[in-house]
C-alpha atoms as a PDB file:
ATOM      1  CA  MET A   1      26.269 -11.791  21.804  1.00  0.00           C
ATOM      2  CA  HIS A   2      29.690 -11.872  20.085  1.00  0.00           C
ATOM      3  CA  LYS A   3      29.811 -11.049  16.351  1.00  0.00           C
ATOM      4  CA  SER A   4      31.788 -13.112  13.709  1.00  0.00           C
ATOM      5  CA  THR A   5      34.309 -11.117  11.434  1.00  0.00           C
ATOM      6  CA  PRO A   6      34.800 -12.577   8.010  1.00  0.00           C
ATOM      7  CA  THR A   7      37.906 -14.984   7.877  1.00  0.00           C
ATOM      8  CA  ARG A   8      40.409 -14.330   4.809  1.00  0.00           C
ATOM      9  CA  PRO A   9      40.246 -16.099   1.849  1.00  0.00           C
ATOM     10  CA  ALA A  10      42.489 -19.278   1.281  1.00  0.00           C
ATOM     11  CA  ALA A  11      45.490 -18.717  -0.688  1.00  0.00           C
ATOM     12  CA  THR A  12      44.829 -20.836  -3.464  1.00  0.00           C
ATOM     13  CA  ASP A  13      41.820 -18.445  -4.344  1.00  0.00           C
ATOM     14  CA  LEU A  14      44.385 -15.405  -4.207  1.00  0.00           C
ATOM     15  CA  GLN A  15      46.429 -17.238  -6.596  1.00  0.00           C
ATOM     16  CA  PHE A  16      43.858 -18.512  -9.242  1.00  0.00           C
ATOM     17  CA  ALA A  17      42.689 -14.801  -8.821  1.00  0.00           C
ATOM     18  CA  ALA A  18      46.101 -13.290  -9.592  1.00  0.00           C
ATOM     19  CA  LEU A  19      46.293 -15.478 -12.696  1.00  0.00           C
ATOM     20  CA  ASN A  20      43.057 -14.175 -14.309  1.00  0.00           C
ATOM     21  CA  GLY A  21      43.380 -10.591 -14.044  1.00  0.00           C
ATOM     22  CA  GLY A  22      41.256  -7.588 -13.275  1.00  0.00           C
ATOM     23  CA  ASN A  23      38.374  -9.762 -14.865  1.00  0.00           C
ATOM     24  CA  LEU A  24      37.746 -11.502 -11.932  1.00  0.00           C
ATOM     25  CA  LEU A  25      37.264  -8.655  -9.579  1.00  0.00           C
ATOM     26  CA  THR A  26      34.341  -7.583 -11.830  1.00  0.00           C
ATOM     27  CA  GLN A  27      32.957 -11.062 -11.103  1.00  0.00           C
ATOM     28  CA  LEU A  28      34.061 -11.472  -7.725  1.00  0.00           C
ATOM     29  CA  THR A  29      31.726  -8.728  -7.009  1.00  0.00           C
ATOM     30  CA  GLN A  30      28.865  -9.568  -8.838  1.00  0.00           C
ATOM     31  CA  LYS A  31      29.193 -13.099  -7.558  1.00  0.00           C
ATOM     32  CA  ALA A  32      29.347 -11.217  -3.986  1.00  0.00           C
ATOM     33  CA  ASN A  33      26.315  -9.274  -4.316  1.00  0.00           C
ATOM     34  CA  HIS A  34      24.137 -12.610  -5.931  1.00  0.00           C
ATOM     35  CA  LEU A  35      25.243 -14.685  -2.883  1.00  0.00           C
ATOM     36  CA  LEU A  36      24.360 -11.242  -0.517  1.00  0.00           C
ATOM     37  CA  LYS A  37      20.660 -10.605  -2.064  1.00  0.00           C
ATOM     38  CA  GLN A  38      20.260 -14.778  -1.549  1.00  0.00           C
ATOM     39  CA  GLY A  39      20.961 -14.799   2.173  1.00  0.00           C
ATOM     40  CA  ALA A  40      24.261 -16.519   1.804  1.00  0.00           C
ATOM     41  CA  LEU A  41      25.832 -14.083   4.318  1.00  0.00           C
ATOM     42  CA  GLN A  42      29.499 -15.805   4.791  1.00  0.00           C
ATOM     43  CA  ALA A  43      29.815 -16.940   1.049  1.00  0.00           C
ATOM     44  CA  ALA A  44      29.329 -13.550   0.351  1.00  0.00           C
ATOM     45  CA  GLU A  45      31.988 -12.085   2.754  1.00  0.00           C
ATOM     46  CA  HIS A  46      34.304 -14.168   1.799  1.00  0.00           C
ATOM     47  CA  SER A  47      34.004 -12.942  -1.898  1.00  0.00           C
ATOM     48  CA  TYR A  48      34.117  -9.814  -0.937  1.00  0.00           C
ATOM     49  CA  LEU A  49      37.230 -10.408   1.000  1.00  0.00           C
ATOM     50  CA  GLU A  50      38.643 -11.795  -1.903  1.00  0.00           C
ATOM     51  CA  VAL A  51      38.232  -8.548  -3.933  1.00  0.00           C
ATOM     52  CA  LEU A  52      39.661  -7.060  -0.810  1.00  0.00           C
ATOM     53  CA  GLU A  53      43.244  -9.119  -1.546  1.00  0.00           C
ATOM     54  CA  LEU A  54      43.288  -8.107  -5.164  1.00  0.00           C
ATOM     55  CA  GLU A  55      42.566  -4.599  -4.925  1.00  0.00           C
ATOM     56  CA  PRO A  56      42.416  -2.883  -1.481  1.00  0.00           C
ATOM     57  CA  GLY A  57      40.514  -0.684  -0.306  1.00  0.00           C
ATOM     58  CA  ASN A  58      37.817  -1.509  -2.949  1.00  0.00           C
ATOM     59  CA  ILE A  59      34.490   0.485  -2.721  1.00  0.00           C
ATOM     60  CA  TYR A  60      31.946  -2.146  -3.868  1.00  0.00           C
ATOM     61  CA  ALA A  61      33.407  -4.834  -1.287  1.00  0.00           C
ATOM     62  CA  LEU A  62      33.486  -2.346   1.725  1.00  0.00           C
ATOM     63  CA  VAL A  63      29.973  -1.370   1.071  1.00  0.00           C
ATOM     64  CA  GLY A  64      29.167  -5.492   0.789  1.00  0.00           C
ATOM     65  CA  LEU A  65      30.660  -6.353   3.520  1.00  0.00           C
ATOM     66  CA  ALA A  66      28.845  -3.488   5.326  1.00  0.00           C
ATOM     67  CA  ARG A  67      25.755  -4.741   3.960  1.00  0.00           C
ATOM     68  CA  ALA A  68      27.009  -8.094   5.335  1.00  0.00           C
ATOM     69  CA  ALA A  69      27.209  -7.043   8.452  1.00  0.00           C
ATOM     70  CA  ARG A  70      23.962  -5.282   9.360  1.00  0.00           C
ATOM     71  CA  LEU A  71      22.170  -8.321   7.800  1.00  0.00           C
ATOM     72  CA  ARG A  72      23.906 -10.418  10.711  1.00  0.00           C
ATOM     73  CA  GLY A  73      22.651  -7.406  13.222  1.00  0.00           C
ATOM     74  CA  ASP A  74      26.078  -6.101  13.592  1.00  0.00           C
ATOM     75  CA  LEU A  75      25.782  -2.737  13.854  1.00  0.00           C
ATOM     76  CA  ALA A  76      29.453  -1.339  14.752  1.00  0.00           C
ATOM     77  CA  GLY A  77      30.762  -3.811  12.001  1.00  0.00           C
ATOM     78  CA  ALA A  78      28.749  -2.047   9.326  1.00  0.00           C
ATOM     79  CA  GLU A  79      29.758   1.620  10.359  1.00  0.00           C
ATOM     80  CA  GLN A  80      33.503   0.242  10.669  1.00  0.00           C
ATOM     81  CA  PHE A  81      33.208  -1.093   6.916  1.00  0.00           C
ATOM     82  CA  TYR A  82      30.795   2.288   5.959  1.00  0.00           C
ATOM     83  CA  GLN A  83      33.211   4.336   7.421  1.00  0.00           C
ATOM     84  CA  GLN A  84      36.229   2.831   5.546  1.00  0.00           C
ATOM     85  CA  SER A  85      34.940   3.465   2.382  1.00  0.00           C
ATOM     86  CA  LEU A  86      33.729   6.893   3.215  1.00  0.00           C
ATOM     87  CA  ALA A  87      37.416   7.585   4.141  1.00  0.00           C
ATOM     88  CA  LYS A  88      38.493   6.264   0.664  1.00  0.00           C
ATOM     89  CA  ALA A  89      35.422   7.873  -1.343  1.00  0.00           C
ATOM     90  CA  PRO A  90      33.979  11.029   0.653  1.00  0.00           C
ATOM     91  CA  TYR A  91      30.659  11.093  -1.247  1.00  0.00           C
ATOM     92  CA  ASN A  92      29.655   7.844  -1.979  1.00  0.00           C
ATOM     93  CA  ARG A  93      26.557   7.406  -1.880  1.00  0.00           C
ATOM     94  CA  PHE A  94      25.689   3.771  -0.957  1.00  0.00           C
ATOM     95  CA  ALA A  95      28.216   4.181   2.242  1.00  0.00           C
ATOM     96  CA  MET A  96      26.469   7.624   3.291  1.00  0.00           C
ATOM     97  CA  ILE A  97      22.940   6.101   3.176  1.00  0.00           C
ATOM     98  CA  GLY A  98      23.861   2.924   4.260  1.00  0.00           C
ATOM     99  CA  LEU A  99      25.971   4.317   7.394  1.00  0.00           C
ATOM    100  CA  ALA A 100      23.227   7.079   8.004  1.00  0.00           C
ATOM    101  CA  ASP A 101      20.492   3.633   8.183  1.00  0.00           C
ATOM    102  CA  CYS A 102      23.008   2.670  10.763  1.00  0.00           C
ATOM    103  CA  TYR A 103      23.177   5.783  12.823  1.00  0.00           C
ATOM    104  CA  LEU A 104      19.636   5.108  12.622  1.00  0.00           C
ATOM    105  CA  ALA A 105      18.940   1.969  14.109  1.00  0.00           C
ATOM    106  CA  ASP A 106      21.311   2.443  16.925  1.00  0.00           C
ATOM    107  CA  GLY A 107      19.336   5.149  17.979  1.00  0.00           C
ATOM    108  CA  HIS A 108      21.392   8.222  16.664  1.00  0.00           C
ATOM    109  CA  LEU A 109      18.734  10.449  14.727  1.00  0.00           C
ATOM    110  CA  SER A 110      20.786  13.921  14.673  1.00  0.00           C
ATOM    111  CA  LYS A 111      23.981  11.903  12.895  1.00  0.00           C
ATOM    112  CA  ALA A 112      22.088  10.068  10.189  1.00  0.00           C
ATOM    113  CA  LEU A 113      20.137  13.350   9.407  1.00  0.00           C
ATOM    114  CA  ALA A 114      24.010  14.981   8.973  1.00  0.00           C
ATOM    115  CA  LEU A 115      24.626  12.288   6.377  1.00  0.00           C
ATOM    116  CA  TRP A 116      21.241  11.974   4.305  1.00  0.00           C
ATOM    117  CA  LYS A 117      21.378  16.547   4.551  1.00  0.00           C
ATOM    118  CA  LYS A 118      25.249  15.390   3.223  1.00  0.00           C
ATOM    119  CA  CYS A 119      23.642  13.377   0.499  1.00  0.00           C
ATOM    120  CA  LEU A 120      20.728  16.054  -0.518  1.00  0.00           C
ATOM    121  CA  SER A 121      23.463  18.474  -1.124  1.00  0.00           C
ATOM    122  CA  LEU A 122      24.635  16.398  -3.862  1.00  0.00           C
ATOM    123  CA  ASP A 123      21.331  15.706  -5.553  1.00  0.00           C
ATOM    124  CA  ASP A 124      18.112  17.080  -4.153  1.00  0.00           C
ATOM    125  CA  LYS A 125      16.511  15.109  -6.025  1.00  0.00           C
ATOM    126  CA  ASP A 126      16.921  11.440  -4.541  1.00  0.00           C
ATOM    127  CA  LEU A 127      13.616   9.808  -2.935  1.00  0.00           C
ATOM    128  CA  ALA A 128      15.932   7.250  -1.127  1.00  0.00           C
ATOM    129  CA  VAL A 129      16.471  10.010   1.107  1.00  0.00           C
ATOM    130  CA  LEU A 130      14.035  11.710   1.257  1.00  0.00           C
ATOM    131  CA  THR A 131      11.734   9.359   2.058  1.00  0.00           C
ATOM    132  CA  ARG A 132      14.385   7.752   4.787  1.00  0.00           C
ATOM    133  CA  MET A 133      14.225  11.504   6.432  1.00  0.00           C
ATOM    134  CA  ALA A 134      10.941  11.809   6.119  1.00  0.00           C
ATOM    135  CA  ASP A 135      10.267   8.632   7.811  1.00  0.00           C
ATOM    136  CA  ALA A 136      12.556   9.459  10.334  1.00  0.00           C
ATOM    137  CA  TYR A 137      11.065  12.365  11.392  1.00  0.00           C
ATOM    138  CA  ARG A 138       7.837  10.561  11.429  1.00  0.00           C
ATOM    139  CA  LYS A 139       9.112   8.109  13.767  1.00  0.00           C
ATOM    140  CA  ALA A 140      10.522  10.276  16.144  1.00  0.00           C
ATOM    141  CA  LYS A 141       6.821  12.449  15.941  1.00  0.00           C
ATOM    142  CA  ARG A 142       7.945  15.673  14.620  1.00  0.00           C
ATOM    143  CA  PHE A 143       5.714  15.459  11.765  1.00  0.00           C
ATOM    144  CA  GLU A 144       6.120  18.967  10.502  1.00  0.00           C
ATOM    145  CA  PRO A 145       9.001  18.317   8.608  1.00  0.00           C
ATOM    146  CA  ALA A 146       8.154  14.902   8.016  1.00  0.00           C
ATOM    147  CA  ARG A 147       5.542  16.090   6.069  1.00  0.00           C
ATOM    148  CA  GLN A 148       7.437  18.406   4.333  1.00  0.00           C
ATOM    149  CA  MET A 149       9.955  15.775   3.293  1.00  0.00           C
ATOM    150  CA  TYR A 150       7.270  13.650   2.212  1.00  0.00           C
ATOM    151  CA  ASP A 151       5.617  16.262   0.071  1.00  0.00           C
ATOM    152  CA  ARG A 152       9.024  17.236  -1.467  1.00  0.00           C
ATOM    153  CA  ALA A 153       9.399  13.101  -2.887  1.00  0.00           C
ATOM    154  CA  LEU A 154       6.393  13.486  -3.968  1.00  0.00           C
ATOM    155  CA  ALA A 155       6.328  16.792  -5.900  1.00  0.00           C
ATOM    156  CA  LEU A 156       9.255  14.524  -7.553  1.00  0.00           C
ATOM    157  CA  ASP A 157       7.088  11.362  -8.277  1.00  0.00           C
ATOM    158  CA  ALA A 158       3.049  12.144  -6.919  1.00  0.00           C
ATOM    159  CA  HIS A 159       2.300   8.480  -7.503  1.00  0.00           C
ATOM    160  CA  HIS A 160       5.615   7.428  -4.860  1.00  0.00           C
ATOM    161  CA  VAL A 161       4.266   4.611  -3.173  1.00  0.00           C
ATOM    162  CA  TYR A 162       6.507   4.572  -0.246  1.00  0.00           C
ATOM    163  CA  ALA A 163       6.058   8.312   0.519  1.00  0.00           C
ATOM    164  CA  LEU A 164       2.254   8.144   0.042  1.00  0.00           C
ATOM    165  CA  ILE A 165       1.722   5.462   2.432  1.00  0.00           C
ATOM    166  CA  GLY A 166       4.380   7.848   4.425  1.00  0.00           C
ATOM    167  CA  LEU A 167       2.419  10.701   4.675  1.00  0.00           C
ATOM    168  CA  GLY A 168      -0.949   8.636   5.196  1.00  0.00           C
ATOM    169  CA  TYR A 169       0.469   7.464   8.828  1.00  0.00           C
ATOM    170  CA  VAL A 170       1.300  11.114   9.107  1.00  0.00           C
ATOM    171  CA  TYR A 171      -2.432  12.266   8.810  1.00  0.00           C
ATOM    172  CA  TYR A 172      -3.652   9.515  10.735  1.00  0.00           C
ATOM    173  CA  ALA A 173      -1.216   9.905  13.716  1.00  0.00           C
ATOM    174  CA  THR A 174      -2.557  13.621  13.639  1.00  0.00           C
ATOM    175  CA  LYS A 175      -5.971  12.725  13.513  1.00  0.00           C
ATOM    176  CA  ASP A 176      -6.354  13.981  10.379  1.00  0.00           C
ATOM    177  CA  TYR A 177      -8.525  11.035   8.590  1.00  0.00           C
ATOM    178  CA  GLN A 178      -9.636  12.401   5.535  1.00  0.00           C
ATOM    179  CA  ASN A 179      -6.272  13.513   4.092  1.00  0.00           C
ATOM    180  CA  ALA A 180      -4.828  10.093   5.207  1.00  0.00           C
ATOM    181  CA  LEU A 181      -7.583   8.320   3.352  1.00  0.00           C
ATOM    182  CA  ILE A 182      -6.224  10.704  -0.295  1.00  0.00           C
ATOM    183  CA  CYS A 183      -2.908   9.248   0.521  1.00  0.00           C
ATOM    184  CA  TRP A 184      -3.483   5.761   1.124  1.00  0.00           C
ATOM    185  CA  ASN A 185      -5.943   5.472  -1.711  1.00  0.00           C
ATOM    186  CA  ALA A 186      -3.882   6.763  -3.982  1.00  0.00           C
ATOM    187  CA  ALA A 187      -1.242   4.221  -2.860  1.00  0.00           C
ATOM    188  CA  HIS A 188      -3.359   1.586  -3.158  1.00  0.00           C
ATOM    189  CA  THR A 189      -4.280   2.839  -6.551  1.00  0.00           C
ATOM    190  CA  ALA A 190      -0.568   3.194  -7.453  1.00  0.00           C
ATOM    191  CA  GLN A 191      -0.173  -0.325  -7.055  1.00  0.00           C
ATOM    192  CA  PRO A 192      -3.027  -2.594  -8.478  1.00  0.00           C
ATOM    193  CA  ALA A 193      -1.132  -5.110  -9.458  1.00  0.00           C
ATOM    194  CA  ARG A 194      -0.892  -6.628  -5.720  1.00  0.00           C
ATOM    195  CA  SER A 195      -2.708  -6.235  -2.323  1.00  0.00           C
ATOM    196  CA  ASP A 196      -0.947  -4.905   0.692  1.00  0.00           C
ATOM    197  CA  LEU A 197      -2.222  -6.140   3.495  1.00  0.00           C
ATOM    198  CA  ARG A 198      -1.308  -3.334   5.828  1.00  0.00           C
ATOM    199  CA  LEU A 199      -2.457  -0.769   3.276  1.00  0.00           C
ATOM    200  CA  LEU A 200      -6.241  -2.541   3.571  1.00  0.00           C
ATOM    201  CA  THR A 201      -6.066  -2.543   7.399  1.00  0.00           C
ATOM    202  CA  ASN A 202      -4.981   1.351   7.473  1.00  0.00           C
ATOM    203  CA  LEU A 203      -7.763   2.343   4.554  1.00  0.00           C
ATOM    204  CA  GLY A 204     -10.065   0.337   7.151  1.00  0.00           C
ATOM    205  CA  ASN A 205      -9.170   2.277   9.708  1.00  0.00           C
ATOM    206  CA  CYS A 206      -9.653   5.452   8.334  1.00  0.00           C
ATOM    207  CA  TYR A 207     -13.179   4.516   7.317  1.00  0.00           C
ATOM    208  CA  ARG A 208     -13.841   3.196  10.873  1.00  0.00           C
ATOM    209  CA  LYS A 209     -12.373   6.883  13.036  1.00  0.00           C
ATOM    210  CA  LEU A 210     -14.478   8.490  10.255  1.00  0.00           C
ATOM    211  CA  ASN A 211     -17.615   6.541  10.935  1.00  0.00           C
ATOM    212  CA  GLN A 212     -18.345   4.642   7.673  1.00  0.00           C
ATOM    213  CA  PHE A 213     -18.371   1.164   8.909  1.00  0.00           C
ATOM    214  CA  GLU A 214     -19.732  -0.522   5.937  1.00  0.00           C
ATOM    215  CA  ALA A 215     -16.571   1.182   3.586  1.00  0.00           C
ATOM    216  CA  ALA A 216     -14.548   0.105   6.492  1.00  0.00           C
ATOM    217  CA  ILE A 217     -15.944  -3.772   6.825  1.00  0.00           C
ATOM    218  CA  ALA A 218     -14.879  -4.284   2.910  1.00  0.00           C
ATOM    219  CA  TYR A 219     -11.334  -3.307   3.464  1.00  0.00           C
ATOM    220  CA  PHE A 220     -11.260  -5.420   6.629  1.00  0.00           C
ATOM    221  CA  GLU A 221     -12.532  -8.716   4.322  1.00  0.00           C
ATOM    222  CA  GLN A 222      -9.905  -8.130   1.969  1.00  0.00           C
ATOM    223  CA  ALA A 223      -7.423  -7.884   4.225  1.00  0.00           C
ATOM    224  CA  LEU A 224      -8.743 -10.986   6.212  1.00  0.00           C
ATOM    225  CA  ALA A 225      -8.922 -12.896   2.450  1.00  0.00           C
ATOM    226  CA  LEU A 226      -5.373 -12.246   2.610  1.00  0.00           C
ATOM    227  CA  GLU A 227      -4.088 -13.201   5.823  1.00  0.00           C
ATOM    228  CA  ASP A 228      -6.598 -15.425   7.497  1.00  0.00           C
ATOM    229  CA  GLY A 229      -6.885 -15.003  11.301  1.00  0.00           C
ATOM    230  CA  ASN A 230      -5.104 -11.340  10.592  1.00  0.00           C
ATOM    231  CA  PHE A 231      -5.493  -9.398  14.098  1.00  0.00           C
ATOM    232  CA  TYR A 232      -6.141  -5.881  13.096  1.00  0.00           C
ATOM    233  CA  ALA A 233      -8.428  -6.985   9.861  1.00  0.00           C
ATOM    234  CA  LEU A 234     -10.618  -8.479  12.719  1.00  0.00           C
ATOM    235  CA  PHE A 235     -10.640  -6.424  15.353  1.00  0.00           C
ATOM    236  CA  GLY A 236     -11.300  -3.373  12.676  1.00  0.00           C
ATOM    237  CA  LEU A 237     -14.224  -6.061  11.624  1.00  0.00           C
ATOM    238  CA  ALA A 238     -15.670  -6.489  15.726  1.00  0.00           C
ATOM    239  CA  ASP A 239     -15.431  -2.565  16.256  1.00  0.00           C
ATOM    240  CA  SER A 240     -17.028  -1.783  12.510  1.00  0.00           C
ATOM    241  CA  TYR A 241     -19.927  -4.389  13.405  1.00  0.00           C
ATOM    242  CA  ARG A 242     -19.961  -2.956  16.752  1.00  0.00           C
ATOM    243  CA  GLY A 243     -20.660   0.879  15.596  1.00  0.00           C
ATOM    244  CA  LEU A 244     -23.732  -0.735  13.355  1.00  0.00           C
ATOM    245  CA  HIS A 245     -25.091  -2.083  16.316  1.00  0.00           C
ATOM    246  CA  GLN A 246     -24.677  -5.714  14.580  1.00  0.00           C
ATOM    247  CA  LEU A 247     -23.438  -7.344  18.054  1.00  0.00           C
ATOM    248  CA  ASP A 248     -24.013 -10.985  16.934  1.00  0.00           C
ATOM    249  CA  GLN A 249     -21.229 -10.365  14.155  1.00  0.00           C
ATOM    250  CA  SER A 250     -19.308  -7.763  16.306  1.00  0.00           C
ATOM    251  CA  LEU A 251     -19.233 -11.106  19.055  1.00  0.00           C
ATOM    252  CA  ILE A 252     -17.757 -13.571  16.270  1.00  0.00           C
ATOM    253  CA  HIS A 253     -15.016 -11.509  15.554  1.00  0.00           C
ATOM    254  CA  TRP A 254     -14.086 -10.713  19.198  1.00  0.00           C
ATOM    255  CA  ASP A 255     -14.078 -14.441  19.822  1.00  0.00           C
ATOM    256  CA  ALA A 256     -11.926 -15.051  16.870  1.00  0.00           C
ATOM    257  CA  ILE A 257      -9.477 -12.951  18.173  1.00  0.00           C
ATOM    258  CA  LEU A 258      -9.950 -14.605  21.417  1.00  0.00           C
ATOM    259  CA  THR A 259      -9.322 -18.074  20.027  1.00  0.00           C
ATOM    260  CA  ARG A 260      -5.419 -17.009  19.288  1.00  0.00           C
ATOM    261  CA  GLN A 261      -5.278 -14.270  22.147  1.00  0.00           C
ATOM    262  CA  PRO A 262      -7.256 -15.503  25.442  1.00  0.00           C
ATOM    263  CA  ALA A 263      -5.473 -13.057  27.178  1.00  0.00           C
ATOM    264  CA  ASN A 264      -6.475  -9.717  25.662  1.00  0.00           C
ATOM    265  CA  LYS A 265      -7.758  -7.538  28.646  1.00  0.00           C
ATOM    266  CA  ILE A 266      -8.938  -4.880  25.634  1.00  0.00           C
ATOM    267  CA  VAL A 267     -10.752  -7.568  23.485  1.00  0.00           C
ATOM    268  CA  LEU A 268     -11.906  -9.852  26.441  1.00  0.00           C
ATOM    269  CA  THR A 269     -13.720  -6.366  27.916  1.00  0.00           C
ATOM    270  CA  ARG A 270     -15.169  -5.912  24.061  1.00  0.00           C
ATOM    271  CA  ALA A 271     -16.233  -9.263  24.077  1.00  0.00           C
ATOM    272  CA  ALA A 272     -18.172  -8.884  27.531  1.00  0.00           C
ATOM    273  CA  ASP A 273     -19.776  -5.389  26.300  1.00  0.00           C
ATOM    274  CA  ALA A 274     -21.634  -7.378  23.407  1.00  0.00           C
ATOM    275  CA  LEU A 275     -22.880  -9.902  25.611  1.00  0.00           C
ATOM    276  CA  ARG A 276     -24.508  -7.816  28.062  1.00  0.00           C
ATOM    277  CA  GLN A 277     -26.095  -5.940  25.250  1.00  0.00           C
ATOM    278  CA  LEU A 278     -27.347  -8.900  24.005  1.00  0.00           C
ATOM    279  CA  GLY A 279     -28.959  -9.663  27.180  1.00  0.00           C
ATOM    280  CA  ARG A 280     -26.482 -12.561  27.953  1.00  0.00           C
ATOM    281  CA  LEU A 281     -25.590 -11.420  31.470  1.00  0.00           C
ATOM    282  CA  ASP A 282     -23.689 -14.727  32.737  1.00  0.00           C
ATOM    283  CA  GLN A 283     -21.438 -15.197  29.954  1.00  0.00           C
ATOM    284  CA  ALA A 284     -21.040 -11.007  30.383  1.00  0.00           C
ATOM    285  CA  GLN A 285     -19.956 -11.090  33.840  1.00  0.00           C
ATOM    286  CA  ALA A 286     -17.502 -13.846  33.365  1.00  0.00           C
ATOM    287  CA  ARG A 287     -15.912 -11.897  30.183  1.00  0.00           C
ATOM    288  CA  TYR A 288     -15.161  -8.825  32.940  1.00  0.00           C
ATOM    289  CA  GLN A 289     -13.743 -11.117  35.258  1.00  0.00           C
ATOM    290  CA  GLN A 290     -11.421 -13.002  32.921  1.00  0.00           C
ATOM    291  CA  ALA A 291     -10.234  -9.423  32.039  1.00  0.00           C
ATOM    292  CA  LEU A 292     -10.262  -8.271  35.590  1.00  0.00           C
ATOM    293  CA  ASP A 293      -8.201 -11.577  36.555  1.00  0.00           C
ATOM    294  CA  ILE A 294      -5.272  -9.920  34.246  1.00  0.00           C
ATOM    295  CA  GLU A 295      -4.878  -6.575  35.582  1.00  0.00           C
ATOM    296  CA  PHE A 296      -7.482  -3.904  36.827  1.00  0.00           C
ATOM    297  CA  ASP A 297      -9.579  -2.284  34.061  1.00  0.00           C
ATOM    298  CA  PHE A 298     -11.607   0.824  34.591  1.00  0.00           C
ATOM    299  CA  PHE A 299     -14.005  -0.779  31.660  1.00  0.00           C
ATOM    300  CA  ALA A 300     -14.300  -4.083  32.817  1.00  0.00           C
ATOM    301  CA  LEU A 301     -15.112  -3.032  36.393  1.00  0.00           C
ATOM    302  CA  LEU A 302     -17.500  -0.575  34.928  1.00  0.00           C
ATOM    303  CA  GLY A 303     -19.141  -3.578  32.783  1.00  0.00           C
ATOM    304  CA  LEU A 304     -19.599  -5.583  36.279  1.00  0.00           C
ATOM    305  CA  ALA A 305     -21.031  -2.732  38.195  1.00  0.00           C
ATOM    306  CA  LEU A 306     -23.941  -2.511  34.627  1.00  0.00           C
ATOM    307  CA  VAL A 307     -24.568  -6.623  34.990  1.00  0.00           C
ATOM    308  CA  ALA A 308     -25.208  -6.235  38.141  1.00  0.00           C
ATOM    309  CA  LYS A 309     -27.611  -3.297  37.915  1.00  0.00           C
ATOM    310  CA  LEU A 310     -29.275  -5.294  34.936  1.00  0.00           C
ATOM    311  CA  GLN A 311     -29.628  -8.289  36.979  1.00  0.00           C
ATOM    312  CA  GLY A 312     -31.459  -5.978  39.955  1.00  0.00           C
ATOM    313  CA  ARG A 313     -28.449  -6.304  42.545  1.00  0.00           C
ATOM    314  CA  TYR A 314     -28.234  -2.823  43.194  1.00  0.00           C
ATOM    315  CA  GLY A 315     -26.348  -3.211  46.293  1.00  0.00           C
ATOM    316  CA  PRO A 316     -23.352  -4.893  44.681  1.00  0.00           C
ATOM    317  CA  ALA A 317     -23.303  -2.577  41.831  1.00  0.00           C
ATOM    318  CA  LEU A 318     -23.189   0.548  44.120  1.00  0.00           C
ATOM    319  CA  ARG A 319     -20.085  -0.819  45.625  1.00  0.00           C
ATOM    320  CA  LEU A 320     -18.775  -1.431  42.312  1.00  0.00           C
ATOM    321  CA  LEU A 321     -19.640   1.839  40.424  1.00  0.00           C
ATOM    322  CA  THR A 322     -17.824   3.164  43.613  1.00  0.00           C
ATOM    323  CA  GLN A 323     -15.076   1.758  42.976  1.00  0.00           C
ATOM    324  CA  VAL A 324     -15.529   3.124  39.681  1.00  0.00           C
ATOM    325  CA  GLN A 325     -15.801   6.234  40.502  1.00  0.00           C
ATOM    326  CA  GLU A 326     -12.831   6.120  42.753  1.00  0.00           C
ATOM    327  CA  GLN A 327     -10.537   5.993  39.449  1.00  0.00           C
ATOM    328  CA  GLU A 328     -12.507   8.595  37.685  1.00  0.00           C
ATOM    329  CA  PRO A 329     -14.371  11.370  40.312  1.00  0.00           C
ATOM    330  CA  ASP A 330     -15.472  13.329  38.078  1.00  0.00           C
ATOM    331  CA  ASN A 331     -16.979  10.720  35.515  1.00  0.00           C
ATOM    332  CA  LEU A 332     -20.608  12.266  34.650  1.00  0.00           C
ATOM    333  CA  ARG A 333     -21.877   8.557  33.686  1.00  0.00           C
ATOM    334  CA  VAL A 334     -20.746   7.193  36.707  1.00  0.00           C
ATOM    335  CA  GLN A 335     -22.826   9.475  38.761  1.00  0.00           C
ATOM    336  CA  ARG A 336     -25.370   8.910  36.840  1.00  0.00           C
ATOM    337  CA  LEU A 337     -25.088   5.372  37.239  1.00  0.00           C
ATOM    338  CA  ILE A 338     -24.617   5.486  41.187  1.00  0.00           C
ATOM    339  CA  ALA A 339     -27.737   7.806  40.784  1.00  0.00           C
ATOM    340  CA  GLU A 340     -29.765   5.545  39.553  1.00  0.00           C
ATOM    341  CA  CYS A 341     -28.767   2.617  41.518  1.00  0.00           C
ATOM    342  CA  GLN A 342     -29.630   4.444  44.550  1.00  0.00           C
ATOM    343  CA  ARG A 343     -33.325   5.373  43.380  1.00  0.00           C
ATOM    344  CA  GLN A 344     -33.698   2.160  42.179  1.00  0.00           C
ATOM    345  CA  ALA A 345     -32.849   0.202  44.992  1.00  0.00           C
ATOM    346  CA  ALA A 346     -35.122   2.293  47.350  1.00  0.00           C
ATOM    347  CA  GLY A 347     -37.695   1.602  45.067  1.00  0.00           C
ATOM    348  CA  ALA A 348     -37.144  -1.579  45.159  1.00  0.00           C
ATOM    349  CA  GLY A 349     -36.846  -1.589  48.995  1.00  0.00           C
ATOM    350  CA  ASN A 350     -33.651  -3.847  49.200  1.00  0.00           C
ATOM    351  CA  GLY A 351     -30.103  -3.181  48.201  1.00  0.00           C
ATOM    352  CA  ARG A 352     -29.364  -6.509  47.136  1.00  0.00           C
END
């Protein structure tokens, strides 16, 4: 999509500016910054351009125009304004950070890292830069340098919420759930005045991964209180109740998700599992089939085989299990189920 270019202010505005002298530069810059914060991008750009008419190359106006361009989704335009800023002031922190953010958004991690390292050469205690670098490494799955950068940030501020949350993600991604819990609990404690929905579900997921389901449920309930119908809270509750073998409660939450996402294949299969274990075999069969109608699913096919086996329909169960085995020939559970079906079919004297 074509990105619009800010237009020059009217001559009457500039004449007024000339009459008011240098003080107007500050006023116009403050006005533009305020408009930018309010999201009035066109008006903000107009004010920044007025500043540039009064003082060509004004760094504040160039950086402001770059920020406005980024908010409009015009990364190329933003980069151009940031580069103009750096041509005037090669070590301007805001321009370097902004340009690095643009490079990262454009998929150029190495360029972004080079600029952030330049920032750190001027101030190795810049928390905004340290956490940006850490986030970039983490999202690129370079977990060790990410951890090191978060550690550097936390050495400067042990209660830095953003760094604690980021480091928690590093530990969670590497399945170190205990250390992820330490980080996220510290972040949760550091901001007692407000509740963070993602942080609550993250904590719940850690406890769930550690099979501490009661603790997980408490956090998921808090998240659900903040946002009714939140997918991650409902999924976490359903899976935690499943872990506690409270299948009725688990099914309530699987169904709550399906009212919003009726074609969610994973949830259809999980709901079918609960129905099967509750002995509601016809309903379980229907849910498994719904999942398979969306696309092939190993667990839905296995579930259908288990339903057939429980119904004493050993012939259909064996045919389904054979299809399952074709997908995972070395699956010991499937091999055991096939043997059981063959034995039970022989004992029943038929292969219904």
